[in-house]
PDB file of N, CA and C in Angstrom:
ATOM      1  N   MET A   1       2.862  -6.696  -3.474  1.00  0.00           N
ATOM      2  CA  MET A   1       2.820  -6.286  -2.099  1.00  0.00           C
ATOM      3  C   MET A   1       2.670  -4.767  -1.998  1.00  0.00           C
ATOM      4  N   TYR A   2       3.421  -4.012  -2.766  1.00  0.00           N
ATOM      5  CA  TYR A   2       3.320  -2.567  -2.715  1.00  0.00           C
ATOM      6  C   TYR A   2       2.560  -2.099  -3.947  1.00  0.00           C
ATOM      7  N   SER A   3       1.531  -1.300  -3.720  1.00  0.00           N
ATOM      8  CA  SER A   3       0.608  -0.982  -4.798  1.00  0.00           C
ATOM      9  C   SER A   3       1.142   0.023  -5.808  1.00  0.00           C
ATOM     10  N   LYS A   4       1.879   1.009  -5.392  1.00  0.00           N
ATOM     11  CA  LYS A   4       2.264   2.079  -6.307  1.00  0.00           C
ATOM     12  C   LYS A   4       3.775   2.209  -6.512  1.00  0.00           C
ATOM     13  N   HIS A   5       4.553   1.439  -5.824  1.00  0.00           N
ATOM     14  CA  HIS A   5       5.993   1.624  -5.863  1.00  0.00           C
ATOM     15  C   HIS A   5       6.673   0.369  -6.403  1.00  0.00           C
ATOM     16  N   ASN A   6       7.634   0.583  -7.281  1.00  0.00           N
ATOM     17  CA  ASN A   6       8.410  -0.545  -7.782  1.00  0.00           C
ATOM     18  C   ASN A   6       9.511  -0.942  -6.809  1.00  0.00           C
ATOM     19  N   VAL A   7      10.036   0.033  -6.084  1.00  0.00           N
ATOM     20  CA  VAL A   7      11.113  -0.217  -5.133  1.00  0.00           C
ATOM     21  C   VAL A   7      10.676   0.306  -3.769  1.00  0.00           C
ATOM     22  N   CYS A   8      10.806  -0.523  -2.764  1.00  0.00           N
ATOM     23  CA  CYS A   8      10.461  -0.102  -1.405  1.00  0.00           C
ATOM     24  C   CYS A   8      11.507   0.889  -0.902  1.00  0.00           C
ATOM     25  N   PRO A   9      11.101   1.867  -0.090  1.00  0.00           N
ATOM     26  CA  PRO A   9      12.079   2.855   0.397  1.00  0.00           C
ATOM     27  C   PRO A   9      13.270   2.234   1.116  1.00  0.00           C
ATOM     28  N   HIS A  10      13.029   1.210   1.946  1.00  0.00           N
ATOM     29  CA  HIS A  10      14.155   0.614   2.675  1.00  0.00           C
ATOM     30  C   HIS A  10      15.099  -0.130   1.730  1.00  0.00           C
ATOM     31  N   ASP A  11      14.563  -0.664   0.628  1.00  0.00           N
ATOM     32  CA  ASP A  11      15.434  -1.290  -0.372  1.00  0.00           C
ATOM     33  C   ASP A  11      16.236  -0.229  -1.127  1.00  0.00           C
ATOM     34  N   PHE A  12      15.586   0.874  -1.447  1.00  0.00           N
ATOM     35  CA  PHE A  12      16.248   1.955  -2.180  1.00  0.00           C
ATOM     36  C   PHE A  12      17.433   2.501  -1.392  1.00  0.00           C
ATOM     37  N   TYR A  13      17.232   2.718  -0.096  1.00  0.00           N
ATOM     38  CA  TYR A  13      18.295   3.256   0.746  1.00  0.00           C
ATOM     39  C   TYR A  13      19.174   2.172   1.348  1.00  0.00           C
ATOM     40  N   ASN A  14      18.888   0.910   1.024  1.00  0.00           N
ATOM     41  CA  ASN A  14      19.657  -0.233   1.503  1.00  0.00           C
ATOM     42  C   ASN A  14      19.719  -0.265   3.035  1.00  0.00           C
ATOM     43  N   VAL A  15      18.556  -0.117   3.652  1.00  0.00           N
ATOM     44  CA  VAL A  15      18.436  -0.124   5.110  1.00  0.00           C
ATOM     45  C   VAL A  15      17.707  -1.392   5.525  1.00  0.00           C
ATOM     46  N   GLN A  16      18.222  -2.060   6.530  1.00  0.00           N
ATOM     47  CA  GLN A  16      17.553  -3.245   7.058  1.00  0.00           C
ATOM     48  C   GLN A  16      16.371  -2.812   7.909  1.00  0.00           C
ATOM     49  N   ILE A  17      15.254  -3.510   7.779  1.00  0.00           N
ATOM     50  CA  ILE A  17      14.103  -3.201   8.624  1.00  0.00           C
ATOM     51  C   ILE A  17      13.822  -4.392   9.524  1.00  0.00           C
ATOM     52  N   ASN A  18      13.279  -4.109  10.688  1.00  0.00           N
ATOM     53  CA  ASN A  18      12.977  -5.192  11.612  1.00  0.00           C
ATOM     54  C   ASN A  18      11.563  -5.719  11.364  1.00  0.00           C
ATOM     55  N   ASP A  19      11.184  -6.717  12.116  1.00  0.00           N
ATOM     56  CA  ASP A  19       9.897  -7.375  11.906  1.00  0.00           C
ATOM     57  C   ASP A  19       8.726  -6.429  12.153  1.00  0.00           C
ATOM     58  N   MET A  20       8.809  -5.583  13.168  1.00  0.00           N
ATOM     59  CA  MET A  20       7.718  -4.651  13.458  1.00  0.00           C
ATOM     60  C   MET A  20       7.560  -3.644  12.324  1.00  0.00           C
ATOM     61  N   ALA A  21       8.662  -3.134  11.818  1.00  0.00           N
ATOM     62  CA  ALA A  21       8.589  -2.196  10.696  1.00  0.00           C
ATOM     63  C   ALA A  21       7.977  -2.875   9.478  1.00  0.00           C
ATOM     64  N   ARG A  22       8.341  -4.113   9.235  1.00  0.00           N
ATOM     65  CA  ARG A  22       7.786  -4.861   8.103  1.00  0.00           C
ATOM     66  C   ARG A  22       6.272  -5.024   8.264  1.00  0.00           C
ATOM     67  N   ARG A  23       5.830  -5.314   9.471  1.00  0.00           N
ATOM     68  CA  ARG A  23       4.384  -5.456   9.726  1.00  0.00           C
ATOM     69  C   ARG A  23       3.651  -4.144   9.499  1.00  0.00           C
ATOM     70  N   LEU A  24       4.254  -3.040   9.934  1.00  0.00           N
ATOM     71  CA  LEU A  24       3.629  -1.733   9.719  1.00  0.00           C
ATOM     72  C   LEU A  24       3.531  -1.402   8.235  1.00  0.00           C
ATOM     73  N   ILE A  25       4.595  -1.680   7.495  1.00  0.00           N
ATOM     74  CA  ILE A  25       4.578  -1.428   6.055  1.00  0.00           C
ATOM     75  C   ILE A  25       3.472  -2.237   5.397  1.00  0.00           C
ATOM     76  N   LEU A  26       3.364  -3.506   5.753  1.00  0.00           N
ATOM     77  CA  LEU A  26       2.326  -4.357   5.169  1.00  0.00           C
ATOM     78  C   LEU A  26       0.935  -3.869   5.549  1.00  0.00           C
ATOM     79  N   ALA A  27       0.759  -3.446   6.793  1.00  0.00           N
ATOM     80  CA  ALA A  27      -0.555  -2.965   7.237  1.00  0.00           C
ATOM     81  C   ALA A  27      -0.959  -1.711   6.481  1.00  0.00           C
ATOM     82  N   PHE A  28      -0.054  -0.758   6.335  1.00  0.00           N
ATOM     83  CA  PHE A  28      -0.395   0.464   5.616  1.00  0.00           C
ATOM     84  C   PHE A  28      -0.601   0.202   4.134  1.00  0.00           C
ATOM     85  N   THR A  29       0.157  -0.719   3.564  1.00  0.00           N
ATOM     86  CA  THR A  29      -0.033  -1.073   2.161  1.00  0.00           C
ATOM     87  C   THR A  29      -1.409  -1.683   1.960  1.00  0.00           C
ATOM     88  N   ASP A  30      -1.799  -2.607   2.831  1.00  0.00           N
ATOM     89  CA  ASP A  30      -3.132  -3.209   2.738  1.00  0.00           C
ATOM     90  C   ASP A  30      -4.209  -2.150   2.893  1.00  0.00           C
ATOM     91  N   TYR A  31      -4.009  -1.206   3.808  1.00  0.00           N
ATOM     92  CA  TYR A  31      -4.977  -0.131   4.024  1.00  0.00           C
ATOM     93  C   TYR A  31      -5.123   0.720   2.763  1.00  0.00           C
ATOM     94  N   GLU A  32      -3.996   1.075   2.127  1.00  0.00           N
ATOM     95  CA  GLU A  32      -4.045   1.880   0.907  1.00  0.00           C
ATOM     96  C   GLU A  32      -4.782   1.152  -0.202  1.00  0.00           C
ATOM     97  N   ILE A  33      -4.543  -0.140  -0.337  1.00  0.00           N
ATOM     98  CA  ILE A  33      -5.210  -0.925  -1.374  1.00  0.00           C
ATOM     99  C   ILE A  33      -6.714  -0.955  -1.129  1.00  0.00           C
ATOM    100  N   GLU A  34      -7.121  -1.162   0.111  1.00  0.00           N
ATOM    101  CA  GLU A  34      -8.554  -1.190   0.438  1.00  0.00           C
ATOM    102  C   GLU A  34      -9.201   0.169   0.177  1.00  0.00           C
ATOM    103  N   GLU A  35      -8.508   1.245   0.514  1.00  0.00           N
ATOM    104  CA  GLU A  35      -9.054   2.582   0.265  1.00  0.00           C
ATOM    105  C   GLU A  35      -9.214   2.828  -1.232  1.00  0.00           C
ATOM    106  N   GLU A  36      -8.241   2.401  -2.042  1.00  0.00           N
ATOM    107  CA  GLU A  36      -8.345   2.564  -3.488  1.00  0.00           C
ATOM    108  C   GLU A  36      -9.510   1.759  -4.046  1.00  0.00           C
ATOM    109  N   LYS A  37      -9.738   0.568  -3.510  1.00  0.00           N
ATOM    110  CA  LYS A  37     -10.875  -0.248  -3.945  1.00  0.00           C
ATOM    111  C   LYS A  37     -12.189   0.443  -3.618  1.00  0.00           C
ATOM    112  N   LYS A  38     -12.284   1.041  -2.423  1.00  0.00           N
ATOM    113  CA  LYS A  38     -13.501   1.749  -2.023  1.00  0.00           C
ATOM    114  C   LYS A  38     -13.766   2.934  -2.946  1.00  0.00           C
ATOM    115  N   ILE A  39     -12.729   3.687  -3.262  1.00  0.00           N
ATOM    116  CA  ILE A  39     -12.876   4.847  -4.142  1.00  0.00           C
ATOM    117  C   ILE A  39     -13.315   4.404  -5.534  1.00  0.00           C
ATOM    118  N   ALA A  40     -12.715   3.338  -6.043  1.00  0.00           N
ATOM    119  CA  ALA A  40     -13.088   2.827  -7.362  1.00  0.00           C
ATOM    120  C   ALA A  40     -14.531   2.345  -7.369  1.00  0.00           C
ATOM    121  N   GLU A  41     -14.956   1.688  -6.305  1.00  0.00           N
ATOM    122  CA  GLU A  41     -16.336   1.201  -6.209  1.00  0.00           C
ATOM    123  C   GLU A  41     -17.314   2.373  -6.165  1.00  0.00           C
ATOM    124  N   GLN A  42     -16.986   3.402  -5.408  1.00  0.00           N
ATOM    125  CA  GLN A  42     -17.845   4.583  -5.347  1.00  0.00           C
ATOM    126  C   GLN A  42     -17.920   5.270  -6.707  1.00  0.00           C
ATOM    127  N   ALA A  43     -16.811   5.313  -7.427  1.00  0.00           N
ATOM    128  CA  ALA A  43     -16.799   5.924  -8.756  1.00  0.00           C
ATOM    129  C   ALA A  43     -17.671   5.126  -9.718  1.00  0.00           C
ATOM    130  N   ARG A  44     -17.616   3.800  -9.620  1.00  0.00           N
ATOM    131  CA  ARG A  44     -18.458   2.968 -10.483  1.00  0.00           C
ATOM    132  C   ARG A  44     -19.936   3.171 -10.177  1.00  0.00           C
ATOM    133  N   LYS A  45     -20.265   3.274  -8.894  1.00  0.00           N
ATOM    134  CA  LYS A  45     -21.663   3.489  -8.504  1.00  0.00           C
ATOM    135  C   LYS A  45     -22.140   4.861  -8.960  1.00  0.00           C
ATOM    136  N   GLY A  46     -21.268   5.851  -8.895  1.00  0.00           N
ATOM    137  CA  GLY A  46     -21.619   7.204  -9.313  1.00  0.00           C
ATOM    138  C   GLY A  46     -21.754   7.346 -10.815  1.00  0.00           C
ATOM    139  N   ALA A  47     -21.090   6.475 -11.570  1.00  0.00           N
ATOM    140  CA  ALA A  47     -21.123   6.547 -13.035  1.00  0.00           C
ATOM    141  C   ALA A  47     -22.393   5.939 -13.608  1.00  0.00           C
ATOM    142  N   ARG A  48     -23.134   5.215 -12.806  1.00  0.00           N
ATOM    143  CA  ARG A  48     -24.354   4.571 -13.306  1.00  0.00           C
ATOM    144  C   ARG A  48     -25.488   5.521 -13.455  1.00  0.00           C
TER     145      ARG A  48
END
């Protein structure tokens, strides 16, 4: 679920998060993963 972190910040600080916060975390995580895929694809195209 989280691309670069072994422990989520709310788990580290032992803070409960609500459903909206969970949705935001998931949305930003998905966005980061997609951006990393785009960068990797551009790097592969540039290496050819």
